[in-house]
């Protein structure tokens, strides 16, 4: 049975590409898909440099996105993760071949690999110890805990298989260069390097193997080149260099004080597990940097949070721009997409358990209009599971079901990215939006279409504003609205005909509902209350990501309307 490994590569993963391909080739994998989710060309160049191996049957594919196709097993992995058979004498392909024919899902445990730090290198010949500390203990010393499992799925089968004799080894922090690249540069990257150097064990065999903290695992060592680990003295020098680099950057951002306090505490808490001279040297450096920055500790926390948030906002905005320039293909799970069908677009994030109920609800629509359900998954870790759930659901009134795997959580603006792609592909007229925490009746689509008109938005969640986003009043169906929500709305696809729709500031990217309303009204469109009936699923509403954006909504309102308070409705 065919075995496909889907390896998702990000910034800093160029060092692991060739070793990963070599590993999966010798493990009997049939198809290796390298999915490049990085922001530069290093991963692509590393993939192009992988030598051919005509004596082996494995095929290697390089892509920006990947959608499941064909039968057999699909194994999910991220850069630095290696699927193996638990038995050292068994190949991965043979371990899967032993599964029953109706086996459909394998959840393989993930173990983090550790060892002495180095400046560069893949780490496969150096990180030769399993880190057996429980997640709570690892977090307590400042380590980022890896996912506890990775999943393999086989389309068309439905029996989960526990304890299959396969597992995943995760090499997530391999060198100074890789850690810096993964963090993206700037003060955040320099602090990540300092933390990496401070928390990596100097020599696991001496630091805790006798207590069951570390366990030797050298099966992948031959895939890596010989590497020289940093000595305790070198580690202290590198930590000092990283913190001094941060101090230079902190003149304008000043995020260091709070971070230094965190790092100092982590190093002290981990001293017992480090080779003594390494811990002492690193601690002296960190303590010195802490004293230098101590005068600004009081304001460090807020500024650090602001800086990190701004960085995340810019990354999301860059992802949106990239998607607009380079559309990604969806997985067509059911049916065949039709350009004459009414698009119904929904974003998914943290409620995968709702998907089956939602699709059955929409499949039961009593409408004469074909409906094209387009789902945007903002949580890529759920993608394989969502595809499996969708494949078993009925089409009913739906002409097709498509599922996009977003490269990052870009929030609800994804609805309009999809709308732009649909319009560019020739679809015109109405498109409907719905949230995954909403319950609708069998007449939902027809009611939405009855409210549709060119250059109009009609929304169930719509209000009149009175000088603030939160000072608002109820409306009757058909009345003009100063605010329209996207969940339970119908709009003309011409809304996104001009690329200026996507010019909203990065800070407010997750407030696409306010932007949609403002953009439509300032361009002369009608925005009104819809007569559609919708029930909010309150148990799910509590997990809505808008709760984290409440305070930002009034700020954005002021940004949009300024002194023109009446313009908000």
Foldseek 3Di string as FASTA:
>chain_A
DAAEEEEEEEWLLLQQQLLQVVQCQVLQHAEYEYAYLYDDCSNVVSNVPRDDDVVTRHYYHYYNDDDDDDWDKYWYHYRQKHKAFLPLVHRPVVLVVPDDPQAFKEWAFEWEFAAFAAADWPQLQGRFKTQPDPPVVCVVLPDDDDPGTTMMGTPPHDHHDYPSRMHMYGHPDHYLSSQLRVLPDALSSLLSSLLVLLQGAHGQVVQDVVVVRIDGHNSSSVSIDDGDGDDLLRSLVSSLVSLVRNVVRCPPQVLPQVSLVSSLVSNVVCCSRHDNSSSVSNNVSSVVSNVVSVVCNVPNPVSNVVVVLVVVLVVLLVLLVVCLVPPDFWHFLDADDDLQAAEEEEEAEPCLVLVQVVQQQQLLAPDPGAYAYEYEYQHLSCVVVSSNSVNPHDNRSHNTYTYHYRSHRLAPCVRLSVLQVSVVVPRWFKYAYAYSQKHAHNHLVVQQVVPGDALEKEAQPFWAAQLFPPRTDDDDFPDFGLFHARHSMMYTSCLPVDVCLSVDDSSCSNVSRNSSSLSSVVVPGTYGYGPGDMDGNVVCVVVDPCVVCVVVRRVVVCVRQPPVSNSSD
